[in-house]
C-alpha atoms as a PDB file:
ATOM      1  CA  PRO A   1     -30.680  25.177  78.053  1.00  0.00           C
ATOM      2  CA  THR A   2     -27.482  26.111  76.177  1.00  0.00           C
ATOM      3  CA  ILE A   3     -26.424  26.799  72.594  1.00  0.00           C
ATOM      4  CA  ARG A   4     -23.882  24.011  72.857  1.00  0.00           C
ATOM      5  CA  ALA A   5     -26.545  21.504  73.917  1.00  0.00           C
ATOM      6  CA  GLY A   6     -28.728  22.570  71.009  1.00  0.00           C
ATOM      7  CA  VAL A   7     -25.931  22.075  68.491  1.00  0.00           C
ATOM      8  CA  ASP A   8     -24.842  18.773  70.031  1.00  0.00           C
ATOM      9  CA  SER A   9     -28.389  17.387  69.708  1.00  0.00           C
ATOM     10  CA  ALA A  10     -28.877  18.545  66.096  1.00  0.00           C
ATOM     11  CA  ALA A  11     -28.610  16.403  62.953  1.00  0.00           C
ATOM     12  CA  VAL A  12     -27.886  17.195  59.313  1.00  0.00           C
ATOM     13  CA  GLY A  13     -30.591  19.470  57.909  1.00  0.00           C
ATOM     14  CA  ASP A  14     -31.606  20.885  61.299  1.00  0.00           C
ATOM     15  CA  THR A  15     -31.700  24.558  62.255  1.00  0.00           C
ATOM     16  CA  VAL A  16     -30.839  25.532  65.817  1.00  0.00           C
ATOM     17  CA  GLU A  17     -32.540  28.872  66.461  1.00  0.00           C
ATOM     18  CA  VAL A  18     -31.361  30.770  69.534  1.00  0.00           C
ATOM     19  CA  ALA A  19     -33.596  33.142  71.496  1.00  0.00           C
ATOM     20  CA  CYS A  20     -32.259  36.674  71.914  1.00  0.00           C
ATOM     21  CA  GLY A  21     -30.123  37.406  74.953  1.00  0.00           C
ATOM     22  CA  PRO A  22     -26.634  36.900  76.380  1.00  0.00           C
ATOM     23  CA  TYR A  23     -25.185  33.384  76.616  1.00  0.00           C
ATOM     24  CA  TYR A  24     -22.093  32.775  78.728  1.00  0.00           C
ATOM     25  CA  GLU A  25     -20.653  29.789  76.898  1.00  0.00           C
ATOM     26  CA  HIS A  26     -17.518  28.583  75.138  1.00  0.00           C
ATOM     27  CA  THR A  27     -16.129  25.649  73.114  1.00  0.00           C
ATOM     28  CA  ILE A  28     -19.184  25.397  70.856  1.00  0.00           C
ATOM     29  CA  VAL A  29     -18.380  23.130  67.893  1.00  0.00           C
ATOM     30  CA  LEU A  30     -20.466  23.566  64.740  1.00  0.00           C
ATOM     31  CA  LYS A  31     -21.877  20.447  63.078  1.00  0.00           C
ATOM     32  CA  ASP A  32     -21.822  19.581  59.406  1.00  0.00           C
ATOM     33  CA  GLY A  33     -25.084  20.462  57.659  1.00  0.00           C
ATOM     34  CA  VAL A  34     -26.554  22.281  60.678  1.00  0.00           C
ATOM     35  CA  VAL A  35     -27.674  25.922  60.640  1.00  0.00           C
ATOM     36  CA  LEU A  36     -27.046  27.874  63.861  1.00  0.00           C
ATOM     37  CA  ARG A  37     -28.813  31.228  63.868  1.00  0.00           C
ATOM     38  CA  SER A  38     -30.194  33.836  66.223  1.00  0.00           C
ATOM     39  CA  GLU A  39     -33.954  34.251  66.119  1.00  0.00           C
ATOM     40  CA  THR A  40     -33.702  37.590  64.250  1.00  0.00           C
ATOM     41  CA  GLY A  41     -30.627  36.694  62.203  1.00  0.00           C
ATOM     42  CA  GLN A  42     -28.957  39.889  63.487  1.00  0.00           C
ATOM     43  CA  PRO A  43     -25.867  40.078  65.744  1.00  0.00           C
ATOM     44  CA  LYS A  44     -27.522  42.355  68.311  1.00  0.00           C
ATOM     45  CA  CYS A  45     -29.957  39.556  69.134  1.00  0.00           C
ATOM     46  CA  VAL A  46     -27.549  37.014  70.664  1.00  0.00           C
ATOM     47  CA  THR A  47     -24.185  37.551  72.329  1.00  0.00           C
ATOM     48  CA  ILE A  48     -22.019  34.522  73.073  1.00  0.00           C
ATOM     49  CA  ASP A  49     -19.514  35.568  75.734  1.00  0.00           C
ATOM     50  CA  ALA A  50     -16.800  33.044  76.617  1.00  0.00           C
ATOM     51  CA  GLN A  51     -15.585  35.275  79.456  1.00  0.00           C
ATOM     52  CA  GLY A  52     -12.058  33.843  78.803  1.00  0.00           C
ATOM     53  CA  PRO A  53      -9.791  31.956  79.066  1.00  0.00           C
ATOM     54  CA  CYS A  54     -11.206  29.770  76.303  1.00  0.00           C
ATOM     55  CA  TRP A  55     -12.144  29.871  72.621  1.00  0.00           C
ATOM     56  CA  VAL A  56     -15.755  30.514  71.675  1.00  0.00           C
ATOM     57  CA  LEU A  57     -16.579  28.624  68.440  1.00  0.00           C
ATOM     58  CA  ALA A  58     -14.930  26.042  66.198  1.00  0.00           C
ATOM     59  CA  ALA A  59     -15.730  24.436  62.852  1.00  0.00           C
ATOM     60  CA  SER A  60     -13.875  21.308  61.758  1.00  0.00           C
ATOM     61  CA  LEU A  61     -14.651  19.007  58.816  1.00  0.00           C
ATOM     62  CA  VAL A  62     -17.820  20.877  57.879  1.00  0.00           C
ATOM     63  CA  GLY A  63     -19.006  21.960  54.430  1.00  0.00           C
ATOM     64  CA  ASN A  64     -20.858  24.953  53.043  1.00  0.00           C
ATOM     65  CA  THR A  65     -24.269  23.763  54.253  1.00  0.00           C
ATOM     66  CA  THR A  66     -23.074  24.590  57.769  1.00  0.00           C
ATOM     67  CA  VAL A  67     -24.233  28.119  58.611  1.00  0.00           C
ATOM     68  CA  LEU A  68     -23.580  30.550  61.458  1.00  0.00           C
ATOM     69  CA  GLU A  69     -25.870  33.589  61.286  1.00  0.00           C
ATOM     70  CA  GLY A  70     -26.575  36.601  63.457  1.00  0.00           C
ATOM     71  CA  PHE A  71     -24.327  36.375  66.531  1.00  0.00           C
ATOM     72  CA  THR A  72     -21.953  38.576  68.479  1.00  0.00           C
ATOM     73  CA  VAL A  73     -18.941  36.507  69.559  1.00  0.00           C
ATOM     74  CA  THR A  74     -16.832  37.931  72.373  1.00  0.00           C
ATOM     75  CA  GLY A  75     -14.654  37.162  75.372  1.00  0.00           C
ATOM     76  CA  GLY A  76     -12.572  34.454  73.697  1.00  0.00           C
ATOM     77  CA  PHE A  77      -9.002  34.063  74.907  1.00  0.00           C
ATOM     78  CA  ARG A  78      -6.699  31.409  73.503  1.00  0.00           C
ATOM     79  CA  ALA A  79      -3.025  30.537  73.756  1.00  0.00           C
ATOM     80  CA  GLY A  80      -2.632  29.583  70.110  1.00  0.00           C
ATOM     81  CA  GLU A  81      -5.018  30.152  67.213  1.00  0.00           C
ATOM     82  CA  GLY A  82      -8.563  31.434  66.823  1.00  0.00           C
ATOM     83  CA  ALA A  83      -9.887  32.873  70.069  1.00  0.00           C
ATOM     84  CA  GLY A  84     -13.242  33.911  68.633  1.00  0.00           C
ATOM     85  CA  MET A  85     -13.532  31.109  66.078  1.00  0.00           C
ATOM     86  CA  LEU A  86     -11.283  28.457  64.551  1.00  0.00           C
ATOM     87  CA  CYS A  87     -11.985  27.058  61.059  1.00  0.00           C
ATOM     88  CA  ASN A  88      -9.965  23.894  60.541  1.00  0.00           C
ATOM     89  CA  THR A  89     -10.624  21.994  57.291  1.00  0.00           C
ATOM     90  CA  ALA A  90     -13.984  23.745  57.281  1.00  0.00           C
ATOM     91  CA  SER A  91     -15.997  25.796  54.806  1.00  0.00           C
ATOM     92  CA  PRO A  92     -19.006  27.182  56.686  1.00  0.00           C
ATOM     93  CA  ARG A  93     -21.097  30.167  55.623  1.00  0.00           C
ATOM     94  CA  ILE A  94     -20.804  32.872  58.293  1.00  0.00           C
ATOM     95  CA  GLU A  95     -23.257  35.708  57.881  1.00  0.00           C
ATOM     96  CA  ARG A  96     -23.928  38.911  59.842  1.00  0.00           C
ATOM     97  CA  CYS A  97     -21.742  37.994  62.800  1.00  0.00           C
ATOM     98  CA  VAL A  98     -19.672  40.363  64.933  1.00  0.00           C
ATOM     99  CA  PHE A  99     -16.394  39.163  66.444  1.00  0.00           C
ATOM    100  CA  THR A 100     -15.229  41.594  69.099  1.00  0.00           C
ATOM    101  CA  GLY A 101     -12.950  41.615  72.118  1.00  0.00           C
ATOM    102  CA  ASN A 102     -11.251  38.265  71.447  1.00  0.00           C
ATOM    103  CA  THR A 103      -7.533  37.682  72.093  1.00  0.00           C
ATOM    104  CA  ALA A 104      -5.032  35.112  70.785  1.00  0.00           C
ATOM    105  CA  VAL A 105      -1.631  34.935  72.483  1.00  0.00           C
ATOM    106  CA  SER A 106       1.349  32.717  71.761  1.00  0.00           C
ATOM    107  CA  SER A 107       1.805  29.333  73.398  1.00  0.00           C
ATOM    108  CA  ASP A 108       4.980  27.251  73.698  1.00  0.00           C
ATOM    109  CA  ARG A 109       4.221  25.641  70.310  1.00  0.00           C
ATOM    110  CA  VAL A 110       2.017  28.043  68.333  1.00  0.00           C
ATOM    111  CA  GLU A 111       2.154  31.739  67.495  1.00  0.00           C
ATOM    112  CA  GLY A 112      -0.910  33.644  68.656  1.00  0.00           C
ATOM    113  CA  CYS A 113      -2.867  34.080  65.388  1.00  0.00           C
ATOM    114  CA  GLY A 114      -6.393  35.211  64.598  1.00  0.00           C
ATOM    115  CA  GLY A 115      -7.873  36.969  67.593  1.00  0.00           C
ATOM    116  CA  GLY A 116     -11.293  37.150  65.950  1.00  0.00           C
ATOM    117  CA  MET A 117     -10.921  34.134  63.642  1.00  0.00           C
ATOM    118  CA  MET A 118      -8.280  31.680  62.457  1.00  0.00           C
ATOM    119  CA  ILE A 119      -8.684  29.995  59.038  1.00  0.00           C
ATOM    120  CA  ARG A 120      -6.401  27.032  58.436  1.00  0.00           C
ATOM    121  CA  GLU A 121      -5.859  23.618  56.823  1.00  0.00           C
ATOM    122  CA  GLY A 122      -8.130  23.269  53.804  1.00  0.00           C
ATOM    123  CA  SER A 123     -10.749  25.802  54.845  1.00  0.00           C
ATOM    124  CA  PHE A 124     -12.821  27.816  52.373  1.00  0.00           C
ATOM    125  CA  PRO A 125     -15.349  29.726  54.501  1.00  0.00           C
ATOM    126  CA  ALA A 126     -17.643  32.438  53.123  1.00  0.00           C
ATOM    127  CA  LEU A 127     -17.887  35.490  55.391  1.00  0.00           C
ATOM    128  CA  ILE A 128     -20.750  37.814  54.538  1.00  0.00           C
ATOM    129  CA  GLU A 129     -21.392  41.178  56.248  1.00  0.00           C
ATOM    130  CA  CYS A 130     -19.298  40.214  59.260  1.00  0.00           C
ATOM    131  CA  GLU A 131     -17.530  42.681  61.546  1.00  0.00           C
ATOM    132  CA  PHE A 132     -14.197  42.224  63.320  1.00  0.00           C
ATOM    133  CA  LEU A 133     -13.910  44.868  66.016  1.00  0.00           C
ATOM    134  CA  GLU A 134     -11.175  45.414  68.616  1.00  0.00           C
ATOM    135  CA  ASN A 135      -9.741  41.897  68.564  1.00  0.00           C
ATOM    136  CA  SER A 136      -6.041  41.296  69.241  1.00  0.00           C
ATOM    137  CA  ALA A 137      -3.341  38.747  68.469  1.00  0.00           C
ATOM    138  CA  VAL A 138       0.356  38.420  67.759  1.00  0.00           C
ATOM    139  CA  MET A 139      -0.529  38.113  64.049  1.00  0.00           C
ATOM    140  CA  GLY A 140      -3.892  38.916  62.527  1.00  0.00           C
ATOM    141  CA  GLY A 141      -5.806  40.676  65.258  1.00  0.00           C
ATOM    142  CA  GLY A 142      -9.061  40.381  63.306  1.00  0.00           C
ATOM    143  CA  VAL A 143      -8.496  37.325  61.089  1.00  0.00           C
ATOM    144  CA  SER A 144      -5.504  35.158  60.213  1.00  0.00           C
ATOM    145  CA  CYS A 145      -5.395  32.690  57.319  1.00  0.00           C
ATOM    146  CA  LEU A 146      -2.562  30.366  56.337  1.00  0.00           C
ATOM    147  CA  SER A 147      -1.191  29.255  52.978  1.00  0.00           C
ATOM    148  CA  GLY A 148      -3.248  27.618  50.274  1.00  0.00           C
ATOM    149  CA  TYR A 149      -6.700  28.583  51.524  1.00  0.00           C
ATOM    150  CA  TYR A 150      -9.271  30.752  49.811  1.00  0.00           C
ATOM    151  CA  PRO A 151     -11.826  32.363  52.079  1.00  0.00           C
ATOM    152  CA  THR A 152     -14.276  34.837  50.546  1.00  0.00           C
ATOM    153  CA  LEU A 153     -15.173  37.996  52.446  1.00  0.00           C
ATOM    154  CA  THR A 154     -18.046  40.161  51.242  1.00  0.00           C
ATOM    155  CA  GLY A 155     -19.111  43.414  52.879  1.00  0.00           C
ATOM    156  CA  CYS A 156     -16.955  42.829  55.970  1.00  0.00           C
ATOM    157  CA  LEU A 157     -15.625  45.478  58.352  1.00  0.00           C
ATOM    158  CA  PHE A 158     -12.261  45.369  60.139  1.00  0.00           C
ATOM    159  CA  GLN A 159     -12.020  48.116  62.752  1.00  0.00           C
ATOM    160  CA  GLY A 160      -9.794  48.752  65.739  1.00  0.00           C
ATOM    161  CA  ASN A 161      -8.029  45.385  65.665  1.00  0.00           C
ATOM    162  CA  THR A 162      -4.436  45.169  66.901  1.00  0.00           C
ATOM    163  CA  ALA A 163      -1.443  42.892  66.370  1.00  0.00           C
ATOM    164  CA  VAL A 164       1.797  42.696  68.298  1.00  0.00           C
ATOM    165  CA  ASP A 165       3.742  41.550  65.230  1.00  0.00           C
ATOM    166  CA  LEU A 166       1.918  41.509  61.878  1.00  0.00           C
ATOM    167  CA  SER A 167      -1.376  42.679  60.373  1.00  0.00           C
ATOM    168  CA  GLY A 168      -3.807  44.225  62.791  1.00  0.00           C
ATOM    169  CA  GLY A 169      -6.843  43.608  60.580  1.00  0.00           C
ATOM    170  CA  LEU A 170      -6.277  40.618  58.276  1.00  0.00           C
ATOM    171  CA  HIS A 171      -3.139  38.454  58.160  1.00  0.00           C
ATOM    172  CA  CYS A 172      -2.588  36.177  55.154  1.00  0.00           C
ATOM    173  CA  ALA A 173       0.497  33.976  54.887  1.00  0.00           C
ATOM    174  CA  GLY A 174       0.448  32.602  51.351  1.00  0.00           C
ATOM    175  CA  ALA A 175      -3.365  32.484  51.322  1.00  0.00           C
ATOM    176  CA  ALA A 176      -5.473  33.985  48.551  1.00  0.00           C
ATOM    177  CA  PRO A 177      -8.645  35.458  50.016  1.00  0.00           C
ATOM    178  CA  VAL A 178     -11.205  37.141  47.765  1.00  0.00           C
ATOM    179  CA  LEU A 179     -12.435  40.417  49.260  1.00  0.00           C
ATOM    180  CA  THR A 180     -15.398  42.384  47.925  1.00  0.00           C
ATOM    181  CA  SER A 181     -16.628  45.692  49.388  1.00  0.00           C
ATOM    182  CA  CYS A 182     -14.683  45.296  52.653  1.00  0.00           C
ATOM    183  CA  VAL A 183     -13.596  48.197  54.870  1.00  0.00           C
ATOM    184  CA  PHE A 184     -10.404  48.435  56.953  1.00  0.00           C
ATOM    185  CA  THR A 185     -10.157  51.297  59.428  1.00  0.00           C
ATOM    186  CA  GLN A 186      -8.170  52.120  62.587  1.00  0.00           C
ATOM    187  CA  ASN A 187      -6.356  48.779  62.721  1.00  0.00           C
ATOM    188  CA  SER A 188      -2.771  48.755  63.996  1.00  0.00           C
ATOM    189  CA  SER A 189       0.332  46.629  64.366  1.00  0.00           C
ATOM    190  CA  SER A 190       3.413  47.277  66.493  1.00  0.00           C
ATOM    191  CA  ASN A 191       5.880  46.021  63.865  1.00  0.00           C
ATOM    192  CA  SER A 192       4.201  45.971  60.448  1.00  0.00           C
ATOM    193  CA  VAL A 193       1.017  46.560  58.449  1.00  0.00           C
ATOM    194  CA  GLY A 194      -2.015  47.795  60.310  1.00  0.00           C
ATOM    195  CA  GLY A 195      -4.772  46.846  57.865  1.00  0.00           C
ATOM    196  CA  MET A 196      -3.881  43.744  55.824  1.00  0.00           C
END
């Protein structure tokens, strides 16, 4: 009945295919070795709307056989990191997903980073043809990644993301992402770089 229930019941090697339509869910945790995809593999097929105040997706301790494909992720709101999606010691393949309208604000302990996505602690995700549109955070409105991590972004679009402090589109603190054929447009920051 829900995407979360489908993922929770899956085992390594399974594919969870989601019928087109809107899903009002949050706190979906990806599983190692499980493919989660919309039935068409395109983001217009399935929208996951958290409707705030909660994060939408998380990946922790998963490798590159974990796949997220063809979703629109929206409505995430988190005091801390990764309102749309948090990658923590995780290296999933994320393909043709749109992260839009997600917001990360600061908490008492953590700066609000990565409105669309936060990449941290030993994570090496591959983002392919993903779009980060109109997300917001204190740092890294679209995506934020911390030191020592090496995400790859291919054919990604960062548009209309905003940051209160640093980097409206992509914020990297000591990280070394590899970007190929990515576009940054109309991103803004109140205090520093708009794009990256």
